[in-house]
N, C-alpha and C. Protein backbone atom coordinates (compact mmCIF):
# COMPACT_ATOMS: atom_id res chain seq x y z
N MET A 1 94.08 206.90 160.59
CA MET A 1 93.10 206.30 159.70
C MET A 1 91.83 206.01 160.49
N PRO A 2 90.66 206.48 160.01
CA PRO A 2 89.42 206.24 160.74
C PRO A 2 89.00 204.78 160.66
N LYS A 3 88.36 204.31 161.71
CA LYS A 3 87.87 202.93 161.74
C LYS A 3 86.69 202.78 160.79
N ALA A 4 86.64 201.61 160.13
CA ALA A 4 85.51 201.33 159.25
C ALA A 4 84.29 201.03 160.10
N LYS A 5 83.13 201.46 159.62
CA LYS A 5 81.90 201.16 160.34
C LYS A 5 81.61 199.67 160.23
N THR A 6 81.23 199.08 161.34
CA THR A 6 80.89 197.66 161.35
C THR A 6 79.37 197.53 161.43
N SER A 7 78.74 197.75 160.30
CA SER A 7 77.29 197.66 160.22
C SER A 7 76.91 196.37 159.54
N ARG A 8 75.81 195.76 159.97
CA ARG A 8 75.35 194.51 159.35
C ARG A 8 74.66 194.76 158.02
N THR A 9 74.20 195.99 157.79
CA THR A 9 73.51 196.29 156.55
C THR A 9 74.19 197.45 155.85
N THR A 10 74.06 197.49 154.54
CA THR A 10 74.59 198.57 153.73
C THR A 10 73.42 199.38 153.22
N ALA A 11 73.51 200.69 153.36
CA ALA A 11 72.42 201.54 152.88
C ALA A 11 72.51 201.67 151.37
N ILE A 12 71.43 201.36 150.69
CA ILE A 12 71.35 201.50 149.24
C ILE A 12 70.23 202.49 148.96
N ARG A 13 70.62 203.59 148.34
CA ARG A 13 69.66 204.66 148.11
C ARG A 13 69.37 204.91 146.64
N SER A 14 70.11 204.25 145.75
CA SER A 14 69.90 204.49 144.31
C SER A 14 70.30 203.24 143.54
N LEU A 15 69.96 203.24 142.25
CA LEU A 15 70.37 202.12 141.39
C LEU A 15 71.89 202.08 141.27
N LYS A 16 72.54 203.23 141.32
CA LYS A 16 74.00 203.26 141.27
C LYS A 16 74.58 202.54 142.48
N ASP A 17 74.01 202.80 143.66
CA ASP A 17 74.43 202.10 144.87
C ASP A 17 74.16 200.60 144.73
N ALA A 18 72.99 200.25 144.19
CA ALA A 18 72.62 198.84 144.01
C ALA A 18 73.61 198.15 143.07
N ALA A 19 73.98 198.83 141.97
CA ALA A 19 74.93 198.26 141.01
C ALA A 19 76.28 198.03 141.69
N ARG A 20 76.71 198.97 142.53
CA ARG A 20 77.97 198.83 143.25
C ARG A 20 77.91 197.63 144.20
N VAL A 21 76.80 197.47 144.91
CA VAL A 21 76.65 196.37 145.86
C VAL A 21 76.59 195.03 145.13
N VAL A 22 75.87 194.96 144.00
CA VAL A 22 75.81 193.71 143.23
C VAL A 22 77.20 193.34 142.75
N GLY A 23 77.98 194.34 142.30
CA GLY A 23 79.36 194.09 141.89
C GLY A 23 80.19 193.55 143.04
N LYS A 24 80.02 194.12 144.22
CA LYS A 24 80.75 193.68 145.41
C LYS A 24 80.34 192.25 145.78
N ILE A 25 79.03 191.95 145.69
CA ILE A 25 78.55 190.59 145.96
C ILE A 25 79.21 189.61 145.00
N GLY A 26 79.28 189.98 143.72
CA GLY A 26 79.93 189.12 142.72
C GLY A 26 81.39 188.88 143.04
N GLN A 27 82.09 189.96 143.42
CA GLN A 27 83.50 189.85 143.78
C GLN A 27 83.68 188.93 144.99
N LEU A 28 82.87 189.13 146.02
CA LEU A 28 82.96 188.30 147.22
C LEU A 28 82.64 186.84 146.91
N LYS A 29 81.64 186.63 146.06
CA LYS A 29 81.25 185.27 145.69
C LYS A 29 82.38 184.57 144.93
N ARG A 30 83.01 185.29 144.00
CA ARG A 30 84.15 184.71 143.26
C ARG A 30 85.30 184.40 144.21
N ASN A 31 85.55 185.30 145.16
CA ASN A 31 86.60 185.06 146.16
C ASN A 31 86.29 183.82 146.98
N LEU A 32 85.03 183.70 147.39
CA LEU A 32 84.60 182.53 148.17
C LEU A 32 84.79 181.25 147.36
N GLU A 33 84.39 181.27 146.08
CA GLU A 33 84.55 180.09 145.23
C GLU A 33 86.02 179.74 145.05
N ARG A 34 86.88 180.77 144.84
CA ARG A 34 88.31 180.54 144.67
C ARG A 34 88.91 179.92 145.93
N VAL A 35 88.56 180.46 147.09
CA VAL A 35 89.08 179.94 148.36
C VAL A 35 88.60 178.51 148.58
N THR A 36 87.35 178.22 148.23
CA THR A 36 86.81 176.87 148.39
C THR A 36 87.56 175.88 147.50
N VAL A 37 87.85 176.29 146.25
CA VAL A 37 88.61 175.42 145.34
C VAL A 37 90.01 175.19 145.90
N GLN A 38 90.66 176.27 146.38
CA GLN A 38 92.00 176.13 146.96
C GLN A 38 91.98 175.20 148.17
N MET A 39 90.97 175.36 149.02
CA MET A 39 90.85 174.51 150.20
C MET A 39 90.71 173.04 149.79
N ASN A 40 89.83 172.78 148.82
CA ASN A 40 89.60 171.39 148.39
C ASN A 40 90.86 170.79 147.77
N GLU A 41 91.61 171.61 147.01
CA GLU A 41 92.86 171.12 146.44
C GLU A 41 93.86 170.77 147.53
N LYS A 42 93.97 171.62 148.56
CA LYS A 42 94.89 171.34 149.66
C LYS A 42 94.45 170.11 150.44
N ILE A 43 93.15 169.96 150.65
CA ILE A 43 92.64 168.78 151.36
C ILE A 43 93.01 167.52 150.59
N GLU A 44 92.82 167.54 149.26
CA GLU A 44 93.16 166.37 148.44
C GLU A 44 94.65 166.06 148.51
N LYS A 45 95.49 167.11 148.49
CA LYS A 45 96.94 166.90 148.58
C LYS A 45 97.31 166.30 149.93
N ILE A 46 96.65 166.77 150.99
CA ILE A 46 96.91 166.24 152.33
C ILE A 46 96.45 164.80 152.43
N LYS A 47 95.28 164.49 151.84
CA LYS A 47 94.71 163.15 151.95
C LYS A 47 95.48 162.12 151.14
N GLN A 48 96.09 162.53 150.02
CA GLN A 48 96.69 161.57 149.09
C GLN A 48 97.72 160.63 149.72
N PRO A 49 98.73 161.12 150.44
CA PRO A 49 99.69 160.16 151.00
C PRO A 49 99.07 159.22 152.04
N TYR A 50 98.09 159.73 152.78
CA TYR A 50 97.42 158.89 153.78
C TYR A 50 96.54 157.84 153.10
N THR A 51 95.89 158.24 152.01
CA THR A 51 95.07 157.29 151.25
C THR A 51 95.94 156.19 150.68
N GLU A 52 97.10 156.57 150.16
CA GLU A 52 98.03 155.57 149.62
C GLU A 52 98.51 154.64 150.73
N LYS A 53 98.85 155.20 151.88
CA LYS A 53 99.32 154.41 153.02
C LYS A 53 98.22 153.46 153.48
N ALA A 54 96.99 153.98 153.57
CA ALA A 54 95.85 153.15 153.98
C ALA A 54 95.64 152.02 152.98
N GLY A 55 95.78 152.32 151.69
CA GLY A 55 95.64 151.29 150.66
C GLY A 55 96.64 150.16 150.85
N GLY A 56 97.85 150.51 151.26
CA GLY A 56 98.86 149.49 151.53
C GLY A 56 98.46 148.60 152.69
N TYR A 57 97.91 149.22 153.75
CA TYR A 57 97.46 148.43 154.91
C TYR A 57 96.30 147.52 154.51
N ILE A 58 95.37 148.04 153.71
CA ILE A 58 94.23 147.24 153.26
C ILE A 58 94.72 146.06 152.43
N ALA A 59 95.70 146.32 151.56
CA ALA A 59 96.25 145.25 150.73
C ALA A 59 96.89 144.16 151.59
N GLU A 60 97.49 144.54 152.71
CA GLU A 60 98.09 143.54 153.62
C GLU A 60 97.02 142.82 154.43
N LEU A 61 95.98 143.58 154.84
CA LEU A 61 94.92 143.01 155.68
C LEU A 61 94.10 141.95 154.96
N GLU A 62 93.74 142.20 153.72
CA GLU A 62 92.82 141.31 153.00
C GLU A 62 93.30 139.86 152.96
N PRO A 63 94.54 139.57 152.55
CA PRO A 63 94.94 138.15 152.53
C PRO A 63 95.05 137.55 153.94
N LEU A 64 95.39 138.38 154.95
CA LEU A 64 95.46 137.87 156.32
C LEU A 64 94.07 137.50 156.81
N MET A 65 93.07 138.36 156.54
CA MET A 65 91.69 138.06 156.94
C MET A 65 91.18 136.82 156.22
N GLU A 66 91.51 136.71 154.94
CA GLU A 66 91.07 135.54 154.17
C GLU A 66 91.70 134.27 154.74
N ALA A 67 92.99 134.32 155.10
CA ALA A 67 93.67 133.15 155.67
C ALA A 67 93.06 132.79 157.02
N MET A 68 92.76 133.81 157.86
CA MET A 68 92.13 133.55 159.16
C MET A 68 90.78 132.88 158.97
N PHE A 69 89.99 133.39 158.02
CA PHE A 69 88.67 132.82 157.78
C PHE A 69 88.78 131.36 157.33
N ARG A 70 89.69 131.09 156.39
CA ARG A 70 89.86 129.71 155.91
C ARG A 70 90.28 128.79 157.06
N TYR A 71 91.22 129.23 157.88
CA TYR A 71 91.67 128.43 159.03
C TYR A 71 90.51 128.19 160.00
N ALA A 72 89.80 129.28 160.35
CA ALA A 72 88.71 129.16 161.32
C ALA A 72 87.60 128.25 160.81
N GLN A 73 87.21 128.42 159.56
CA GLN A 73 86.15 127.58 159.00
C GLN A 73 86.58 126.12 158.92
N GLY A 74 87.81 125.90 158.52
CA GLY A 74 88.31 124.53 158.38
C GLY A 74 88.47 123.82 159.71
N ASN A 75 88.62 124.56 160.78
CA ASN A 75 88.84 123.97 162.11
C ASN A 75 87.74 124.35 163.10
N ARG A 76 86.61 124.75 162.60
CA ARG A 76 85.54 125.28 163.45
C ARG A 76 85.09 124.31 164.54
N PRO A 77 84.85 123.04 164.24
CA PRO A 77 84.39 122.13 165.30
C PRO A 77 85.36 122.07 166.48
N GLN A 78 86.67 121.97 166.22
CA GLN A 78 87.65 121.90 167.31
C GLN A 78 87.75 123.25 168.04
N LEU A 79 87.69 124.35 167.29
CA LEU A 79 87.86 125.68 167.88
C LEU A 79 86.68 126.09 168.75
N THR A 80 85.49 125.58 168.43
CA THR A 80 84.27 126.00 169.14
C THR A 80 83.70 124.90 170.03
N ASP A 81 84.48 123.85 170.26
CA ASP A 81 83.98 122.70 171.03
C ASP A 81 82.65 122.21 170.44
N ASN A 82 82.68 121.96 169.13
CA ASN A 82 81.50 121.50 168.38
C ASN A 82 80.31 122.44 168.53
N GLY A 83 80.56 123.75 168.46
CA GLY A 83 79.48 124.73 168.48
C GLY A 83 79.06 125.18 169.85
N GLU A 84 79.74 124.74 170.91
CA GLU A 84 79.39 125.13 172.27
C GLU A 84 79.71 126.61 172.54
N ARG A 85 80.69 127.16 171.82
CA ARG A 85 81.02 128.57 171.98
C ARG A 85 81.28 129.17 170.60
N GLN A 86 81.15 130.46 170.51
CA GLN A 86 81.33 131.14 169.22
C GLN A 86 82.61 131.95 169.15
N THR A 87 83.25 132.17 170.29
CA THR A 87 84.43 133.03 170.35
C THR A 87 85.66 132.21 170.69
N VAL A 88 86.73 132.49 169.96
CA VAL A 88 88.02 131.87 170.23
C VAL A 88 88.94 132.98 170.73
N LYS A 89 89.37 132.86 171.99
CA LYS A 89 90.23 133.88 172.59
C LYS A 89 91.68 133.47 172.46
N LEU A 90 92.51 134.43 172.07
CA LEU A 90 93.95 134.24 171.92
C LEU A 90 94.66 135.29 172.77
N PRO A 91 95.94 135.11 173.05
CA PRO A 91 96.66 136.14 173.81
C PRO A 91 96.69 137.50 173.09
N THR A 92 96.60 137.49 171.76
CA THR A 92 96.68 138.74 170.97
C THR A 92 95.32 139.29 170.56
N GLY A 93 94.24 138.61 170.89
CA GLY A 93 92.91 139.06 170.49
C GLY A 93 91.95 137.90 170.44
N SER A 94 90.97 138.00 169.58
CA SER A 94 90.00 136.91 169.46
C SER A 94 89.41 136.93 168.06
N PHE A 95 88.76 135.83 167.71
CA PHE A 95 87.96 135.78 166.49
C PHE A 95 86.69 135.02 166.81
N TYR A 96 85.63 135.33 166.07
CA TYR A 96 84.34 134.76 166.43
C TYR A 96 83.37 134.80 165.26
N TRP A 97 82.29 134.07 165.43
CA TRP A 97 81.21 134.02 164.45
C TRP A 97 79.98 134.64 165.09
N ARG A 98 79.26 135.43 164.34
CA ARG A 98 77.98 135.99 164.80
C ARG A 98 76.99 135.93 163.64
N LYS A 99 75.76 135.65 163.96
CA LYS A 99 74.71 135.65 162.94
C LYS A 99 74.20 137.08 162.77
N THR A 100 73.93 137.43 161.54
CA THR A 100 73.33 138.73 161.26
C THR A 100 71.82 138.62 161.46
N GLY A 101 71.13 139.74 161.44
CA GLY A 101 69.68 139.71 161.46
C GLY A 101 69.17 139.10 160.17
N LYS A 102 68.03 138.44 160.25
CA LYS A 102 67.45 137.83 159.05
C LYS A 102 66.97 138.92 158.11
N SER A 103 67.06 138.66 156.82
CA SER A 103 66.54 139.60 155.82
C SER A 103 65.95 138.82 154.66
N VAL A 104 64.98 139.42 154.02
CA VAL A 104 64.32 138.79 152.86
C VAL A 104 65.04 139.27 151.60
N GLN A 105 65.47 138.32 150.80
CA GLN A 105 66.13 138.63 149.54
C GLN A 105 65.26 138.11 148.40
N PHE A 106 65.27 138.80 147.27
CA PHE A 106 64.50 138.38 146.10
C PHE A 106 65.34 138.69 144.88
N THR A 107 65.37 137.78 143.92
CA THR A 107 66.23 137.96 142.75
C THR A 107 65.73 139.03 141.80
N GLY A 108 64.44 139.36 141.84
CA GLY A 108 63.89 140.39 140.96
C GLY A 108 63.73 141.71 141.69
N SER A 109 62.92 142.59 141.10
CA SER A 109 62.67 143.90 141.70
C SER A 109 61.56 143.80 142.75
N ASP A 110 61.43 144.83 143.57
CA ASP A 110 60.36 144.86 144.57
C ASP A 110 58.98 144.82 143.90
N ASP A 111 58.85 145.51 142.77
CA ASP A 111 57.57 145.49 142.05
C ASP A 111 57.21 144.08 141.60
N GLU A 112 58.20 143.35 141.12
CA GLU A 112 57.96 141.97 140.70
C GLU A 112 57.56 141.10 141.89
N LEU A 113 58.19 141.33 143.03
CA LEU A 113 57.85 140.56 144.22
C LEU A 113 56.44 140.87 144.69
N VAL A 114 56.05 142.14 144.65
CA VAL A 114 54.68 142.52 145.04
C VAL A 114 53.68 141.83 144.13
N ASP A 115 53.92 141.87 142.82
CA ASP A 115 53.02 141.20 141.87
C ASP A 115 52.93 139.71 142.14
N LEU A 116 54.06 139.08 142.42
CA LEU A 116 54.09 137.64 142.68
C LEU A 116 53.33 137.31 143.96
N LEU A 117 53.55 138.10 145.02
CA LEU A 117 52.86 137.85 146.28
C LEU A 117 51.35 137.99 146.12
N LYS A 118 50.91 139.01 145.37
CA LYS A 118 49.47 139.19 145.13
C LYS A 118 48.90 138.02 144.33
N ALA A 119 49.66 137.57 143.32
CA ALA A 119 49.21 136.46 142.49
C ALA A 119 49.09 135.16 143.29
N LEU A 120 49.93 135.03 144.32
CA LEU A 120 49.91 133.83 145.16
C LEU A 120 48.91 133.95 146.31
N GLY A 121 48.17 135.06 146.35
CA GLY A 121 47.19 135.27 147.42
C GLY A 121 47.83 135.66 148.74
N LEU A 122 49.01 136.23 148.68
CA LEU A 122 49.73 136.63 149.91
C LEU A 122 49.76 138.15 150.04
N SER A 123 48.62 138.78 149.78
CA SER A 123 48.54 140.24 149.84
C SER A 123 48.84 140.79 151.23
N ASP A 124 48.64 139.97 152.26
CA ASP A 124 48.94 140.46 153.61
C ASP A 124 50.44 140.64 153.82
N TRP A 125 51.27 140.17 152.88
CA TRP A 125 52.71 140.40 152.94
C TRP A 125 53.10 141.64 152.15
N VAL A 126 52.11 142.35 151.63
CA VAL A 126 52.38 143.58 150.86
C VAL A 126 52.00 144.77 151.74
N ARG A 127 52.95 145.65 151.96
CA ARG A 127 52.73 146.83 152.79
C ARG A 127 52.20 147.97 151.92
N VAL A 128 51.14 148.60 152.41
CA VAL A 128 50.58 149.77 151.73
C VAL A 128 50.96 150.98 152.57
N VAL A 129 51.65 151.92 151.95
CA VAL A 129 52.10 153.12 152.65
C VAL A 129 51.10 154.24 152.39
N GLU A 130 50.54 154.79 153.46
CA GLU A 130 49.62 155.90 153.33
C GLU A 130 50.33 157.17 153.76
N GLU A 131 50.18 158.20 152.96
CA GLU A 131 50.75 159.49 153.29
C GLU A 131 49.90 160.58 152.66
N PRO A 132 49.93 161.79 153.20
CA PRO A 132 49.13 162.86 152.63
C PRO A 132 49.55 163.15 151.19
N ASN A 133 48.58 163.37 150.33
CA ASN A 133 48.84 163.73 148.94
C ASN A 133 48.90 165.26 148.87
N ARG A 134 50.05 165.82 149.15
CA ARG A 134 50.22 167.27 149.22
C ARG A 134 49.98 167.94 147.87
N GLU A 135 50.33 167.27 146.79
CA GLU A 135 50.09 167.84 145.46
C GLU A 135 48.58 168.05 145.25
N ARG A 136 47.79 167.06 145.64
CA ARG A 136 46.33 167.16 145.50
C ARG A 136 45.78 168.25 146.42
N MET A 137 46.35 168.36 147.62
CA MET A 137 45.90 169.39 148.56
C MET A 137 46.16 170.78 147.98
N LEU A 138 47.27 170.94 147.26
CA LEU A 138 47.56 172.24 146.64
C LEU A 138 46.58 172.55 145.52
N GLN A 139 46.05 171.53 144.88
CA GLN A 139 45.06 171.73 143.82
C GLN A 139 43.72 172.20 144.39
N GLU A 140 43.46 171.86 145.64
CA GLU A 140 42.21 172.25 146.30
C GLU A 140 42.54 172.99 147.60
N GLU A 141 43.17 174.16 147.46
CA GLU A 141 43.68 174.90 148.61
C GLU A 141 42.61 175.22 149.65
N GLU A 142 41.46 175.73 149.21
CA GLU A 142 40.42 176.14 150.17
C GLU A 142 39.95 174.95 151.00
N LYS A 143 39.72 173.84 150.33
CA LYS A 143 39.27 172.64 151.01
C LYS A 143 40.36 172.14 151.97
N ALA A 144 41.62 172.18 151.53
CA ALA A 144 42.73 171.70 152.35
C ALA A 144 42.90 172.56 153.60
N GLN A 145 42.74 173.88 153.45
CA GLN A 145 42.92 174.78 154.59
C GLN A 145 41.78 174.65 155.60
N ALA A 146 40.69 174.03 155.21
CA ALA A 146 39.58 173.81 156.13
C ALA A 146 39.91 172.68 157.12
N VAL A 147 40.96 171.91 156.83
CA VAL A 147 41.39 170.84 157.72
C VAL A 147 42.21 171.46 158.85
N ALA A 148 41.86 171.13 160.07
CA ALA A 148 42.54 171.69 161.24
C ALA A 148 44.04 171.43 161.18
N GLY A 149 44.84 172.48 161.34
CA GLY A 149 46.29 172.37 161.36
C GLY A 149 46.95 172.48 160.01
N VAL A 150 46.18 172.51 158.93
CA VAL A 150 46.76 172.59 157.59
C VAL A 150 46.76 174.04 157.13
N THR A 151 47.90 174.50 156.66
CA THR A 151 48.01 175.82 156.03
C THR A 151 48.75 175.65 154.73
N ILE A 152 48.48 176.51 153.79
CA ILE A 152 49.19 176.52 152.51
C ILE A 152 50.15 177.70 152.56
N GLU A 153 51.42 177.42 152.42
CA GLU A 153 52.43 178.46 152.50
C GLU A 153 53.14 178.63 151.18
N GLN A 154 53.55 179.87 150.94
CA GLN A 154 54.38 180.17 149.78
C GLN A 154 55.29 181.32 150.19
N ARG A 155 56.58 181.15 149.94
CA ARG A 155 57.53 182.18 150.31
C ARG A 155 58.04 182.89 149.06
N GLU A 156 58.47 184.09 149.25
CA GLU A 156 59.13 184.81 148.17
C GLU A 156 60.62 184.78 148.46
N VAL A 157 61.41 184.44 147.46
CA VAL A 157 62.85 184.35 147.60
C VAL A 157 63.47 185.47 146.79
N PHE A 158 64.47 186.12 147.33
CA PHE A 158 65.16 187.24 146.68
C PHE A 158 66.51 186.77 146.19
N TYR A 159 66.83 187.02 144.91
CA TYR A 159 68.09 186.60 144.31
C TYR A 159 68.90 187.81 143.91
N VAL A 160 70.21 187.72 144.03
CA VAL A 160 71.13 188.69 143.46
C VAL A 160 72.09 187.89 142.59
N LYS A 161 72.13 188.19 141.29
CA LYS A 161 72.98 187.46 140.37
C LYS A 161 73.98 188.43 139.76
N PRO A 162 75.22 188.41 140.24
CA PRO A 162 76.25 189.26 139.64
C PRO A 162 76.48 188.87 138.18
N ALA A 163 76.79 189.85 137.34
CA ALA A 163 76.91 189.63 135.90
C ALA A 163 77.96 188.60 135.54
N ALA A 164 79.09 188.56 136.22
CA ALA A 164 80.17 187.64 135.87
C ALA A 164 79.97 186.24 136.43
N SER A 165 78.88 186.00 137.09
CA SER A 165 78.66 184.71 137.75
C SER A 165 77.45 184.02 137.17
N MET A 166 77.55 182.68 137.03
CA MET A 166 76.39 181.91 136.58
C MET A 166 75.45 181.63 137.74
N ALA A 167 75.95 181.68 138.96
CA ALA A 167 75.14 181.34 140.12
C ALA A 167 74.69 182.60 140.84
N ALA A 168 73.55 182.52 141.45
CA ALA A 168 73.01 183.64 142.21
C ALA A 168 73.18 183.38 143.69
N VAL A 169 73.05 184.44 144.45
CA VAL A 169 73.01 184.32 145.90
C VAL A 169 71.55 184.41 146.29
N THR A 170 71.06 183.43 147.03
CA THR A 170 69.67 183.35 147.41
C THR A 170 69.48 183.79 148.84
N VAL A 171 68.47 184.58 149.07
CA VAL A 171 68.14 185.01 150.42
C VAL A 171 66.72 184.54 150.70
N THR A 172 66.56 183.72 151.72
CA THR A 172 65.26 183.19 152.09
C THR A 172 64.94 183.58 153.52
N PRO A 173 63.77 184.15 153.77
CA PRO A 173 63.41 184.46 155.16
C PRO A 173 63.30 183.19 155.98
N GLU A 174 63.98 183.15 157.12
CA GLU A 174 63.93 182.01 158.04
C GLU A 174 63.59 182.56 159.42
N GLY A 175 62.33 182.62 159.74
CA GLY A 175 61.93 183.16 161.05
C GLY A 175 62.26 184.63 161.14
N ASP A 176 63.09 185.00 162.11
CA ASP A 176 63.43 186.40 162.31
C ASP A 176 64.76 186.78 161.68
N HIS A 177 65.33 185.90 160.84
CA HIS A 177 66.59 186.23 160.18
C HIS A 177 66.54 185.77 158.72
N LEU A 178 67.57 186.10 157.96
CA LEU A 178 67.64 185.71 156.56
C LEU A 178 68.66 184.59 156.39
N LYS A 179 68.31 183.61 155.59
CA LYS A 179 69.23 182.51 155.29
C LYS A 179 69.82 182.80 153.92
N ILE A 180 71.14 182.92 153.85
CA ILE A 180 71.82 183.24 152.60
C ILE A 180 72.44 181.97 152.05
N VAL A 181 72.06 181.62 150.82
CA VAL A 181 72.53 180.39 150.20
C VAL A 181 73.08 180.71 148.82
N PRO A 182 74.38 180.53 148.57
CA PRO A 182 74.92 180.80 147.24
C PRO A 182 74.66 179.64 146.30
N LYS A 183 73.47 179.61 145.68
CA LYS A 183 73.10 178.54 144.76
C LYS A 183 72.55 179.13 143.48
N ASP A 184 72.53 178.30 142.46
CA ASP A 184 72.00 178.70 141.17
C ASP A 184 70.49 178.47 141.17
N PRO A 185 69.66 179.52 141.03
CA PRO A 185 68.21 179.34 141.10
C PRO A 185 67.68 178.45 139.97
N ARG A 186 68.38 178.41 138.84
CA ARG A 186 67.91 177.54 137.74
C ARG A 186 67.99 176.09 138.14
N LYS A 187 69.02 175.71 138.89
CA LYS A 187 69.14 174.33 139.34
C LYS A 187 68.05 174.00 140.35
N GLN A 188 67.67 174.95 141.19
CA GLN A 188 66.59 174.74 142.15
C GLN A 188 65.27 174.46 141.41
N LYS A 189 65.01 175.22 140.34
CA LYS A 189 63.78 174.99 139.56
C LYS A 189 63.79 173.62 138.93
N ASP A 190 64.99 173.22 138.38
CA ASP A 190 65.10 171.92 137.75
C ASP A 190 64.82 170.80 138.76
N LYS A 191 65.34 170.92 139.98
CA LYS A 191 65.14 169.88 140.99
C LYS A 191 63.67 169.80 141.38
N LYS A 192 62.99 170.95 141.51
CA LYS A 192 61.58 170.94 141.93
C LYS A 192 60.69 170.32 140.85
N SER A 193 61.04 170.59 139.58
CA SER A 193 60.19 170.07 138.51
C SER A 193 60.47 168.63 138.19
N ALA A 194 61.63 168.12 138.64
CA ALA A 194 61.99 166.72 138.34
C ALA A 194 61.21 165.76 139.19
């Protein structure tokens, strides 16, 4: 039996060849999707007993941690020599108190807080974020490209959508090679317009 050629590219010389290759792409894509589903199912089956076991440990840990906290809080002055130390060392381990970093909390939304701070004359507590307005730059391409270091780029993406598949295979030029992404181009358009 002769060895199969191991070429990175397939020669396509006619629409008949192209139809055959698109069919093969569809078959390979369906195989890939099937294998991915099988893999995910096996992963879930493998994870399930461990997840259940972990849940049992968590169920045991929670009341023990709560009991430790109640004991430590109720006896804190004696345990810490009236605040002289924060750590209580035991032969089996230790327990301790640590302060977290300070954070600002507000009961409403950030927009409400900004409005309130401005109304109170505390505008210096409001951060203004400056960033390039790329959408506006695209509206005025010639002017934008006159800025040193700014270029306007647009790529062409090639799709192959096998007939039996809702998703296409996307090929995007990435430097000196092609990046192949099996995604649905309609979803990409929806994300960009959203």
